[in-house]
Amino acid sequence: MFYSTTTNSYIQEGTPFEIDGVQYPANWLNLSTPEEKQALGLEEVVATNQPANPTYYWVSETLSGATLTYTNTPKDLTTVKSNAISQVNSTAYSILFPTDWMVVKAFETSTAIAPSWNSWRQSIRNTATTTVNAVEGASDVDAVATIMGSIVWAKDPDQVALEAAQAVETPVV
């Protein structure tokens, strides 16, 4: 986006515009040089900061000339925590669900589940519990965002075996 100091207006790339009675086509901004833009009094709009994650913050924009500033206001901590906990539990459920049949089969037929699968399933539950406890103890929205951004879910035994096989097949150059 560009700011026109001549017309005190904003011009989006890909849209036609008019300055001093001259019509410019939609592709003019893409085809013109920085010098041509400057000669018309066009300045590229530059952001002074970044928008925060809208999951955790209300984000608003303020344009002042060729300057764009984001205002990041934390959302209600209780709501953010509740949503984060729901997300963790939902993710753990969706990770475990495809292997629930193993547990049902083991129960119905008294067949043992491979220890690697039991360990993996427990690690998913442990990750969820640890994360939920950390979210519950978070003192602000930034802490919740950091916790949620650093979750690492364990890979299931099939993924681990596949990656190990691929590493053996792929020659190191």
Foldseek 3Di string as FASTA:
>chain_A
DKAAPQVRDDDDQQCWDDGPRDIDHNHDVVPDDPVVCVVRRIDAADEPDDEDDPLFWDWDWDDDGSYIYIDTHGDDLVVSLVVLLVVLVVVLCVVCVVVVVVVVCCVVVVDDDPPQQVVLNVQSVVLSVVLNVQSVPDPGSVSNVVSSVPRDRDDRPVVVVVVVVVVVVDDDD
